[in-house]
């Protein structure tokens, strides 16, 4: 996650002599972007942010406008913990301790949480549910394929944030007393499916969609060697048909930890050479990216590559 932009608050600028009319003029010119009522950010900085960073800014902006301290939850807590989630248009999620059914107003959805036993932490100046509660809430109230993404993530150490991996036992221990029986079943199903070997959010989401479509579960991070030595590790591998699956996320072409001193063109060439070596030892290769996932093309690609199903398509 990049450094977040400074929030520009109307109440502060009015004190400095900048009128609401002047703020509106700067928004029209693109110099400022209105994140929510009374909160703005620099326009150029905002447009350079990734969608998930923009969402994180919206969470901070909401906190600035609340009168009382607020505990953020679900996707909003995940954004503070830097836990990946699927989707770009989530509202800000916050908890309410009053059992009035929850309220939605100005882009903020509030969910009732019984005060007894509720735990939260302060992180980056905000109150948020803990990592366990955050991913369990997502598993309870998100579609299965989306729920797998944050669960896979927390089963691995978060090295940049110096956070240890959570265990499935820790996750399952957080269910009792906090969820309905139906929600608990959804959580247990997602936790059982979760796998720390998944290399990215895109890989996790792809694996869950593959399972939903009825394909056999692949081996993750399969080692491939040829006469020259180690070729690499494929994201997925179906041994029975010798097909490797590769998710092409944008990270490998832009992030320093993947570039390793190379430019994007060099990475593309290296990826092509790697694929040729994987094919040369008798494997098929099927590749897809985020656009394919969003367009519902993954199932078609896997079927065309001969990936076996664990059940007939008509049984879905």
Protein backbone atom coordinates (compact mmCIF):
# COMPACT_ATOMS: atom_id res chain seq x y z
CA UNK A 1 0.00 0.00 0.00
CA UNK A 2 1.33 3.41 -0.95
CA UNK A 3 1.48 6.36 1.43
CA UNK A 4 -1.99 7.78 1.84
CA UNK A 5 -2.63 11.42 0.89
CA UNK A 6 -3.27 14.09 3.48
CA UNK A 7 -6.95 14.74 4.10
CA UNK A 8 -8.09 18.30 3.51
CA UNK A 9 -10.93 19.17 5.89
CA UNK A 10 -13.45 21.92 5.14
CA UNK A 11 -13.65 22.97 8.80
CA UNK A 12 -9.91 23.65 8.90
CA UNK A 13 -9.79 25.60 5.66
CA UNK A 14 -12.74 27.78 6.54
CA UNK A 15 -10.78 28.81 9.64
CA UNK A 16 -7.90 29.73 7.30
CA UNK A 17 -10.13 31.88 5.09
CA UNK A 18 -10.83 29.39 2.24
CA UNK A 19 -14.56 29.45 1.51
CA UNK A 20 -16.77 26.49 0.48
CA UNK A 21 -17.20 28.20 -2.90
CA UNK A 22 -13.44 28.20 -3.46
CA UNK A 23 -13.23 24.50 -2.47
CA UNK A 24 -15.98 23.70 -4.96
CA UNK A 25 -14.11 25.58 -7.67
CA UNK A 26 -10.95 23.59 -7.04
CA UNK A 27 -12.98 20.36 -7.28
CA UNK A 28 -14.39 21.40 -10.65
CA UNK A 29 -10.89 22.06 -11.93
CA UNK A 30 -9.67 18.68 -10.71
CA UNK A 31 -7.19 20.19 -8.26
CA UNK A 32 -9.15 18.62 -5.40
CA UNK A 33 -11.35 15.53 -5.11
CA UNK A 34 -14.23 15.40 -2.64
CA UNK A 35 -13.98 12.07 -0.82
CA UNK A 36 -17.07 12.69 1.31
CA UNK A 37 -18.84 15.74 2.67
CA UNK A 38 -16.30 18.00 4.30
CA UNK A 39 -13.25 15.95 3.28
CA UNK A 40 -11.06 16.42 0.21
CA UNK A 41 -7.72 15.20 -1.12
CA UNK A 42 -5.30 16.45 -3.74
CA UNK A 43 -6.70 15.52 -7.15
CA UNK A 44 -3.46 14.39 -8.74
CA UNK A 45 -2.53 12.20 -5.80
CA UNK A 46 -6.01 10.66 -5.70
CA UNK A 47 -5.99 9.73 -9.38
CA UNK A 48 -2.61 8.02 -8.96
CA UNK A 49 -3.89 5.74 -6.18
CA UNK A 50 -4.95 2.13 -6.73
CA UNK A 51 -8.66 1.45 -6.10
CA UNK A 52 -7.91 -0.31 -2.81
CA UNK A 53 -5.88 2.67 -1.61
CA UNK A 54 -8.73 5.01 -2.58
CA UNK A 55 -11.06 2.86 -0.49
CA UNK A 56 -8.66 3.07 2.44
CA UNK A 57 -8.74 6.88 2.14
CA UNK A 58 -12.54 6.76 2.26
CA UNK A 59 -12.34 4.88 5.55
CA UNK A 60 -10.08 7.55 7.06
CA UNK A 61 -12.32 10.28 5.67
CA UNK A 62 -15.36 8.69 7.34
CA UNK A 63 -13.53 8.56 10.65
CA UNK A 64 -12.83 12.29 10.41
CA UNK A 65 -16.53 13.07 10.09
CA UNK A 66 -17.83 10.85 12.91
CA UNK A 67 -18.62 12.56 16.21
CA UNK A 68 -17.91 9.52 18.39
CA UNK A 69 -15.08 6.96 18.12
CA UNK A 70 -16.13 4.22 15.71
CA UNK A 71 -14.99 0.61 15.25
CA UNK A 72 -14.50 -0.27 11.59
CA UNK A 73 -15.19 -3.82 10.42
CA UNK A 74 -15.34 -6.16 7.41
CA UNK A 75 -13.80 -4.66 4.25
CA UNK A 76 -12.97 -1.42 6.05
CA UNK A 77 -11.04 -3.17 8.82
CA UNK A 78 -9.37 -5.35 6.17
CA UNK A 79 -8.17 -2.24 4.33
CA UNK A 80 -6.56 -0.94 7.53
CA UNK A 81 -4.90 -4.32 8.16
CA UNK A 82 -3.89 -4.39 4.47
CA UNK A 83 -5.71 -7.66 3.98
CA UNK A 84 -6.77 -8.04 0.32
CA UNK A 85 -10.44 -8.29 -0.60
CA UNK A 86 -12.34 -8.60 -3.88
CA UNK A 87 -14.40 -5.74 -5.30
CA UNK A 88 -14.04 -1.99 -5.70
CA UNK A 89 -17.36 -0.47 -4.67
CA UNK A 90 -17.73 -1.54 -1.06
CA UNK A 91 -19.28 0.91 1.37
CA UNK A 92 -17.48 1.81 4.55
CA UNK A 93 -18.37 -0.79 7.20
CA UNK A 94 -18.63 0.16 10.88
CA UNK A 95 -20.06 -1.43 13.99
CA UNK A 96 -22.89 -0.19 16.15
CA UNK A 97 -23.45 -1.45 19.69
CA UNK A 98 -27.16 -0.58 19.55
CA UNK A 99 -29.37 -3.40 18.29
CA UNK A 100 -31.57 -1.31 16.00
CA UNK A 101 -30.95 -3.31 12.84
CA UNK A 102 -28.05 -1.21 11.64
CA UNK A 103 -28.15 1.93 9.53
CA UNK A 104 -26.77 3.01 6.19
CA UNK A 105 -26.05 6.67 5.59
CA UNK A 106 -23.62 8.66 3.48
CA UNK A 107 -21.79 5.61 2.20
CA UNK A 108 -21.40 4.01 5.65
CA UNK A 109 -23.11 0.75 6.60
CA UNK A 110 -23.34 -0.02 10.32
CA UNK A 111 -23.67 -3.55 11.66
CA UNK A 112 -24.84 -4.48 15.12
CA UNK A 113 -22.28 -6.23 17.33
CA UNK A 114 -23.10 -7.28 20.92
CA UNK A 115 -20.80 -5.37 23.28
CA UNK A 116 -20.07 -8.45 25.40
CA UNK A 117 -16.83 -10.03 24.27
CA UNK A 118 -16.28 -7.58 21.42
CA UNK A 119 -12.58 -6.85 20.98
CA UNK A 120 -10.93 -4.23 18.83
CA UNK A 121 -7.51 -2.66 18.38
CA UNK A 122 -6.19 0.72 17.39
CA UNK A 123 -4.26 0.71 14.14
CA UNK A 124 -3.09 3.67 12.06
CA UNK A 125 -5.12 5.88 14.39
CA UNK A 126 -8.37 3.99 13.74
CA UNK A 127 -10.35 1.50 15.82
CA UNK A 128 -10.77 -1.78 13.93
CA UNK A 129 -11.77 -5.37 14.62
CA UNK A 130 -8.81 -7.72 15.13
CA UNK A 131 -7.42 -9.79 12.27
CA UNK A 132 -9.31 -12.93 13.30
CA UNK A 133 -12.67 -11.18 13.67
CA UNK A 134 -12.11 -9.24 10.43
CA UNK A 135 -11.54 -12.27 8.20
CA UNK A 136 -14.25 -14.30 9.96
CA UNK A 137 -16.77 -11.51 9.31
CA UNK A 138 -15.77 -11.48 5.66
CA UNK A 139 -16.14 -15.27 5.48
CA UNK A 140 -19.55 -15.09 7.15
CA UNK A 141 -21.03 -12.36 4.98
CA UNK A 142 -19.22 -12.56 1.61
CA UNK A 143 -19.61 -15.04 -1.26
CA UNK A 144 -17.38 -18.10 -0.86
CA UNK A 145 -14.92 -17.16 -3.64
CA UNK A 146 -14.41 -13.70 -2.14
CA UNK A 147 -14.12 -15.06 1.41
CA UNK A 148 -11.19 -17.31 0.48
CA UNK A 149 -8.95 -14.37 -0.48
CA UNK A 150 -8.49 -12.77 2.98
CA UNK A 151 -8.34 -16.19 4.65
CA UNK A 152 -5.47 -17.34 2.42
CA UNK A 153 -3.68 -14.08 3.17
CA UNK A 154 -3.75 -14.31 6.97
CA UNK A 155 -2.56 -17.93 6.95
CA UNK A 156 0.83 -16.57 5.81
CA UNK A 157 3.15 -14.23 7.72
CA UNK A 158 2.67 -10.60 6.69
CA UNK A 159 6.35 -9.75 6.37
CA UNK A 160 6.04 -6.01 5.52
CA UNK A 161 3.87 -5.44 8.60
CA UNK A 162 5.73 -7.94 10.79
CA UNK A 163 2.53 -9.84 11.54
CA UNK A 164 2.66 -13.60 12.21
CA UNK A 165 0.59 -16.12 10.30
CA UNK A 166 -2.70 -17.11 11.85
CA UNK A 167 -3.61 -20.78 12.09
CA UNK A 168 -6.86 -22.44 11.09
CA UNK A 169 -7.29 -23.41 14.74
CA UNK A 170 -7.13 -19.75 15.76
CA UNK A 171 -9.70 -18.84 13.13
CA UNK A 172 -12.12 -21.61 14.05
CA UNK A 173 -11.81 -20.74 17.75
CA UNK A 174 -13.20 -17.28 16.98
CA UNK A 175 -16.52 -18.60 15.67
CA UNK A 176 -18.32 -19.72 18.83
CA UNK A 177 -20.72 -17.19 20.27
CA UNK A 178 -20.24 -14.62 17.51
CA UNK A 179 -22.20 -16.01 14.55
CA UNK A 180 -25.41 -17.78 13.68
CA UNK A 181 -25.29 -21.48 12.82
CA UNK A 182 -25.61 -20.69 9.11
CA UNK A 183 -22.81 -18.12 9.21
CA UNK A 184 -20.63 -20.53 11.18
CA UNK A 185 -21.10 -23.18 8.47
CA UNK A 186 -20.04 -20.70 5.79
CA UNK A 187 -16.97 -19.75 7.79
CA UNK A 188 -15.91 -23.35 8.43
CA UNK A 189 -16.30 -24.23 4.75
CA UNK A 190 -14.12 -21.30 3.68
CA UNK A 191 -11.50 -21.89 6.39
CA UNK A 192 -11.23 -25.56 5.46
CA UNK A 193 -10.64 -24.58 1.82
CA UNK A 194 -8.09 -21.83 2.61
CA UNK A 195 -4.46 -22.49 1.75
CA UNK A 196 -1.36 -20.46 2.69
CA UNK A 197 0.44 -21.62 -0.48
CA UNK A 198 -1.62 -19.22 -2.56
CA UNK A 199 0.70 -16.52 -3.86
CA UNK A 200 -1.69 -13.58 -4.31
CA UNK A 201 -5.28 -12.42 -4.09
CA UNK A 202 -5.77 -13.26 -7.75
CA UNK A 203 -4.49 -16.79 -7.24
CA UNK A 204 -6.78 -17.29 -4.25
CA UNK A 205 -9.84 -15.97 -6.08
CA UNK A 206 -9.03 -18.10 -9.14
CA UNK A 207 -8.66 -21.25 -7.05
CA UNK A 208 -12.04 -20.70 -5.40
CA UNK A 209 -13.75 -20.05 -8.74
CA UNK A 210 -12.10 -23.18 -10.15
CA UNK A 211 -13.54 -25.23 -7.29
CA UNK A 212 -17.02 -23.69 -7.65
CA UNK A 213 -16.97 -24.57 -11.37
CA UNK A 214 -16.43 -28.22 -10.46
CA UNK A 215 -12.82 -28.72 -11.52
CA UNK A 216 -10.42 -30.94 -9.64
CA UNK A 217 -8.31 -29.20 -7.01
CA UNK A 218 -4.84 -28.36 -8.37
CA UNK A 219 -1.49 -28.72 -6.68
CA UNK A 220 -0.19 -25.28 -5.69
CA UNK A 221 3.37 -24.05 -6.30
CA UNK A 222 4.33 -27.14 -8.31
CA UNK A 223 8.06 -27.42 -8.97
CA UNK A 224 9.12 -27.83 -12.62
CA UNK A 225 12.63 -28.86 -13.68
CA UNK A 226 14.30 -29.60 -16.99
CA UNK A 227 17.78 -30.58 -18.10
CA UNK A 228 19.12 -27.15 -17.15
CA UNK A 229 17.72 -27.28 -13.61
CA UNK A 230 14.87 -25.49 -11.88
CA UNK A 231 12.41 -23.82 -14.26
CA UNK A 232 10.20 -22.43 -11.52
CA UNK A 233 7.01 -23.03 -9.58
CA UNK A 234 3.64 -22.96 -11.31
CA UNK A 235 0.67 -21.35 -9.59
CA UNK A 236 -1.44 -24.47 -10.22
CA UNK A 237 -0.78 -27.94 -11.59
CA UNK A 238 -3.10 -30.78 -12.54
CA UNK A 239 -0.88 -33.87 -12.46
CA UNK A 240 -3.36 -36.25 -14.10
CA UNK A 241 -3.42 -34.25 -17.34
CA UNK A 242 -0.05 -32.49 -16.94
CA UNK A 243 -1.49 -28.98 -17.23
CA UNK A 244 0.01 -25.98 -15.46
CA UNK A 245 -2.17 -22.97 -14.62
CA UNK A 246 -0.75 -19.46 -14.34
CA UNK A 247 -2.52 -16.37 -13.06
CA UNK A 248 -1.06 -13.22 -14.61
CA UNK A 249 -1.50 -10.52 -12.01
CA UNK A 250 -0.18 -7.05 -12.70
CA UNK A 251 2.09 -7.30 -9.65
CA UNK A 252 4.75 -9.38 -11.39
CA UNK A 253 5.19 -6.69 -14.03
CA UNK A 254 5.33 -3.59 -11.81
CA UNK A 255 6.25 -4.39 -8.20
CA UNK A 256 9.96 -4.23 -7.25
CA UNK A 257 9.86 -7.54 -5.34
CA UNK A 258 8.83 -9.28 -8.55
CA UNK A 259 10.89 -7.21 -10.99
CA UNK A 260 14.13 -7.88 -9.10
CA UNK A 261 15.99 -5.18 -10.97
CA UNK A 262 14.43 -5.98 -14.36
CA UNK A 263 12.19 -3.73 -16.43
CA UNK A 264 8.71 -4.79 -17.55
CA UNK A 265 9.89 -5.84 -21.01
CA UNK A 266 12.51 -8.13 -19.52
CA UNK A 267 9.90 -9.71 -17.25
CA UNK A 268 7.66 -10.42 -20.26
CA UNK A 269 10.55 -12.08 -22.11
CA UNK A 270 11.53 -14.11 -19.03
CA UNK A 271 7.94 -15.26 -18.54
CA UNK A 272 7.73 -16.42 -22.16
CA UNK A 273 11.01 -18.33 -21.82
CA UNK A 274 9.77 -19.91 -18.60
CA UNK A 275 6.53 -21.01 -20.26
CA UNK A 276 8.42 -22.50 -23.21
CA UNK A 277 10.56 -24.55 -20.81
CA UNK A 278 7.47 -25.76 -18.94
CA UNK A 279 5.92 -26.88 -22.24
CA UNK A 280 9.15 -28.48 -23.44
CA UNK A 281 9.04 -31.09 -20.66
CA UNK A 282 5.58 -32.23 -21.74
CA UNK A 283 3.20 -29.91 -19.89
CA UNK A 284 0.33 -27.84 -21.18
CA UNK A 285 -0.01 -24.28 -19.92
CA UNK A 286 -3.17 -22.22 -19.47
CA UNK A 287 -2.95 -18.55 -18.44
CA UNK A 288 -5.51 -15.98 -17.37
CA UNK A 289 -5.64 -12.54 -15.78
CA UNK A 290 -8.00 -10.27 -13.85
CA UNK A 291 -9.88 -9.31 -17.01
CA UNK A 292 -10.62 -12.99 -17.68
CA UNK A 293 -11.86 -13.48 -14.10
CA UNK A 294 -14.13 -10.43 -14.23
CA UNK A 295 -15.51 -11.48 -17.63
CA UNK A 296 -16.27 -15.02 -16.44
CA UNK A 297 -13.78 -16.59 -18.86
CA UNK A 298 -11.84 -18.77 -16.40
CA UNK A 299 -14.08 -21.83 -16.70
CA UNK A 300 -13.93 -21.73 -20.52
CA UNK A 301 -10.14 -21.47 -20.49
CA UNK A 302 -9.68 -24.35 -18.06
CA UNK A 303 -12.09 -26.59 -19.96
CA UNK A 304 -10.35 -25.84 -23.27
CA UNK A 305 -7.00 -26.76 -21.68
CA UNK A 306 -8.37 -30.13 -20.60
CA UNK A 307 -8.41 -29.51 -16.85
CA UNK A 308 -10.44 -32.39 -15.38
CA UNK A 309 -13.63 -31.92 -13.42
CA UNK A 310 -14.46 -33.67 -10.21
CA UNK A 311 -18.13 -33.70 -11.24
CA UNK A 312 -20.18 -33.06 -14.36
CA UNK A 313 -20.81 -29.43 -15.31
CA UNK A 314 -24.57 -30.03 -15.34
CA UNK A 315 -24.43 -30.97 -11.64
CA UNK A 316 -23.52 -27.45 -10.62
